[in-house]
Amino acid sequence: MVGMPASVVVTILLFAALRDRAGRDTCEITLPAGSTISAIWPALPAAIACDTAPAGVRYARNDEWADAETPVVAGDRIAVLLPVSGG
């Protein structure tokens, strides 16, 4: 498609264990245009990158709940929230 970028840059907001392991609370990643939120995992910093999402993870795209198949566009802010355990 003419005028469509080949890739997009999104900001990932990290919380809890992901933030601790990455050593920061945000990162910017580049994804192919047309990607969904599920594509973020291999593109994350090496300390937290993985092939697929951990079980029970939740997402918010631009401050609204989203699922893993939500498309991302340049400039999106994707919050990644792992499940919380405790009693």
Protein backbone atom coordinates (compact mmCIF):
# COMPACT_ATOMS: atom_id res chain seq x y z
CA MET A 1 0.00 0.00 0.00
CA VAL A 2 1.41 3.38 -0.99
CA GLY A 3 2.32 5.63 1.92
CA MET A 4 2.12 2.91 4.57
CA PRO A 5 5.25 2.77 6.74
CA ALA A 6 7.20 -0.48 6.89
CA SER A 7 7.46 -0.27 10.66
CA VAL A 8 6.03 1.55 13.66
CA VAL A 9 7.58 2.64 16.96
CA VAL A 10 5.53 2.12 20.12
CA THR A 11 6.25 2.81 23.78
CA ILE A 12 5.92 -0.08 26.19
CA LEU A 13 5.08 0.67 29.83
CA LEU A 14 6.48 -1.98 32.17
CA PHE A 15 5.23 -2.76 35.66
CA ALA A 16 6.19 -5.00 38.59
CA ALA A 17 8.50 -7.92 37.72
CA LEU A 18 8.91 -6.83 34.10
CA ARG A 19 10.07 -3.39 35.23
CA ASP A 20 12.43 -4.94 37.76
CA ARG A 21 13.98 -7.35 35.26
CA ALA A 22 14.29 -4.71 32.52
CA GLY A 23 15.71 -2.13 34.92
CA ARG A 24 13.39 0.58 33.60
CA ASP A 25 9.71 1.38 33.40
CA THR A 26 9.43 2.18 29.68
CA CYS A 27 11.04 1.20 26.43
CA GLU A 28 10.48 1.96 22.78
CA ILE A 29 10.31 -0.90 20.31
CA THR A 30 9.95 -1.10 16.56
CA LEU A 31 7.42 -3.48 15.06
CA PRO A 32 6.42 -4.23 11.47
CA ALA A 33 3.46 -2.14 10.32
CA GLY A 34 0.20 -4.01 10.82
CA SER A 35 1.40 -5.79 13.98
CA THR A 36 -0.83 -6.57 16.91
CA ILE A 37 -0.02 -6.21 20.59
CA SER A 38 0.98 -9.89 20.74
CA ALA A 39 4.00 -9.07 18.53
CA ILE A 40 5.69 -7.02 21.26
CA TRP A 41 7.22 -9.95 23.17
CA PRO A 42 10.18 -10.85 20.91
CA ALA A 43 10.93 -7.13 20.40
CA LEU A 44 11.24 -6.29 24.11
CA PRO A 45 14.66 -5.74 25.74
CA ALA A 46 16.66 -8.97 26.06
CA ALA A 47 16.07 -9.27 29.83
CA ILE A 48 12.31 -9.69 29.30
CA ALA A 49 11.89 -10.76 25.66
CA CYS A 50 10.15 -14.05 24.94
CA ASP A 51 8.38 -15.71 22.03
CA THR A 52 4.89 -15.48 23.52
CA ALA A 53 3.14 -13.65 26.32
CA PRO A 54 3.12 -15.07 29.84
CA ALA A 55 -0.18 -16.58 30.96
CA GLY A 56 -2.66 -14.08 32.36
CA VAL A 57 -0.97 -10.94 31.03
CA ARG A 58 -3.24 -7.93 30.40
CA TYR A 59 -2.72 -4.93 28.15
CA ALA A 60 -3.87 -1.35 27.87
CA ARG A 61 -3.40 0.55 24.62
CA ASN A 62 -3.42 4.33 25.05
CA ASP A 63 -5.06 4.01 28.50
CA GLU A 64 -7.85 1.66 27.37
CA TRP A 65 -7.97 -2.10 27.98
CA ALA A 66 -7.00 -4.07 24.89
CA ASP A 67 -6.47 -7.69 23.94
CA ALA A 68 -3.45 -9.31 22.33
CA GLU A 69 -4.96 -9.06 18.84
CA THR A 70 -5.48 -5.30 18.96
CA PRO A 71 -3.55 -3.61 16.13
CA VAL A 72 -0.83 -1.12 17.06
CA VAL A 73 0.02 2.09 15.25
CA ALA A 74 2.96 4.46 15.51
CA GLY A 75 3.01 6.37 18.78
CA ASP A 76 0.86 3.92 20.76
CA ARG A 77 1.56 3.44 24.47
CA ILE A 78 1.11 -0.20 25.45
CA ALA A 79 0.95 -1.01 29.17
CA VAL A 80 1.89 -4.60 30.02
CA LEU A 81 0.48 -5.91 33.30
CA LEU A 82 1.37 -9.31 34.65
CA PRO A 83 -1.07 -11.10 36.94
CA VAL A 84 -0.66 -10.32 40.63
CA SER A 85 -0.63 -13.04 43.21
CA GLY A 86 -0.96 -12.82 46.94
CA GLY A 87 -3.39 -13.31 49.67
